[in-house]
Structures are given as structure tokens and as C-alpha cells.
Amino acid sequence: METGIIWLAPCAALLIGYLLGSIPFGVILTRMFGAGDLRAIGSGNIGATNVLRTGRKGLAAATLLLDMAKGFAAVTIVERMFPGNAALAAAGAFFGHCYPVWLAFRGGKGVATLMGVVLALHWELGLVYAVVWLGLLAVLRVSSLAGMAAAIAAPVAAAAFGWFDIVPLLIALTLVVLWKHRANIARLVEGTEPRVGSQRE
């Protein structure tokens, strides 16, 4: 009985995080506002960069903010309900976004949601993440490279700040981000990766 109670909070944290993270805001918004099925547009990815390819900048901005917000909300809500389980909620939200059950586990690449969870874990990490991501995006105009660099910066910054307890989690999530960007990495090596505003991601 006691063992079951002990496992209840961690399992609930993962589940709540996953369910919140799995909400495909990009797909919902593009359908709701008549922009078509996002999975059949551009790269087929459900993130904000692909929403931008519909020509609807407002929808792209909303998708970006909502994908960040769901990660932030998952960590914040779970930490209040089940203190000490924020990291599990972060993992759940991230994997929910990348592998949502509602879309046959074909989700986004996790960059915006990862920013939301690191911001909720430690706002300083969120600031570092945002500076690296938005800074490189503004300079290079290559969404994939900026996103991957920001993800890599998260565990590095956590270690620099001395938050070693979350470094393994952030390394694991960063590796998933890199895996989800494997096609982008190949194009970066080939010199064919498009800049923001083109037709592929």
C-alpha cells in the first residue's frame, strides 16, 4: 500500500506533464483559423517555424508562446500539487510535445517546449536559453541551428550555475532535440539548410 502511494506522485507528475505537453497547438490553431493541416505544409512539423510558412505570423507567434506556456504550466502546476516532482513533469511535457499520442506520436522538435520547462525550473536558465535561441535566430536566420544551440546551452548553463541535479535531465532532453533535428543537421553539413521564411525546416 505504501509503495503504491510513494509511486503515485511521480506517475501523476509524468502523466500531467505528458497530457499538457501533448496538446498540438500548431495543428489546432492552423485548423481553427483556416490555414490547413499543418502536417501537410512545408516540413510537416507542428512547431511555430512551420506555422510561419502558412504566411500567418500571428498564428506562428501564438504557437510559439503556447508551446512554451504548456511546458511552463506543466512544471509549475505539478510542483504545486506534488512538490519535488518538477523534473518529471518537465520530462513528461517535453516528450508529450515530441511524441503526442493524439498525432500517432509524430510531434514537434521540442525547442519551444524545452524553453518553457527550463524557465519554470530556473528562470535564469530560461533567460540564457532565450538569449542564445533568439540571438542566433536574429543573426543567422537559421531556425534549426538556433534551436539546437539553445538546447545545448541549457545543461551547460545549469552546470555553470551549480544546478547539477537537473543536468542529466537536460542532457537527455537535448539529445532528443538533436535527434529530432537529424535531417536539419545533415542539411547544415551539406550547406543546404534553409533560412527562416523558406519552404522547409
Foldseek 3Di string as FASTA:
>chain_A
DVVVVVVPLLVVLLVLLLVLLQPLLQQVVCVVVVLDGLLPFFANASALLSSVLSVDNVSSVVRLVSNLQSLLVSLVVSCVVPNPNSLSSNVNNQQSQCQPVVVNGHHHLRLSSNLSSLCNVPVVLNVQLCCQLVVCCVVVQQNLVSSLVSLVVNLVVCVVVPVVVCNVSSVVSSVSSCVRCVVVVVCVVVVNRDGRPDRHD
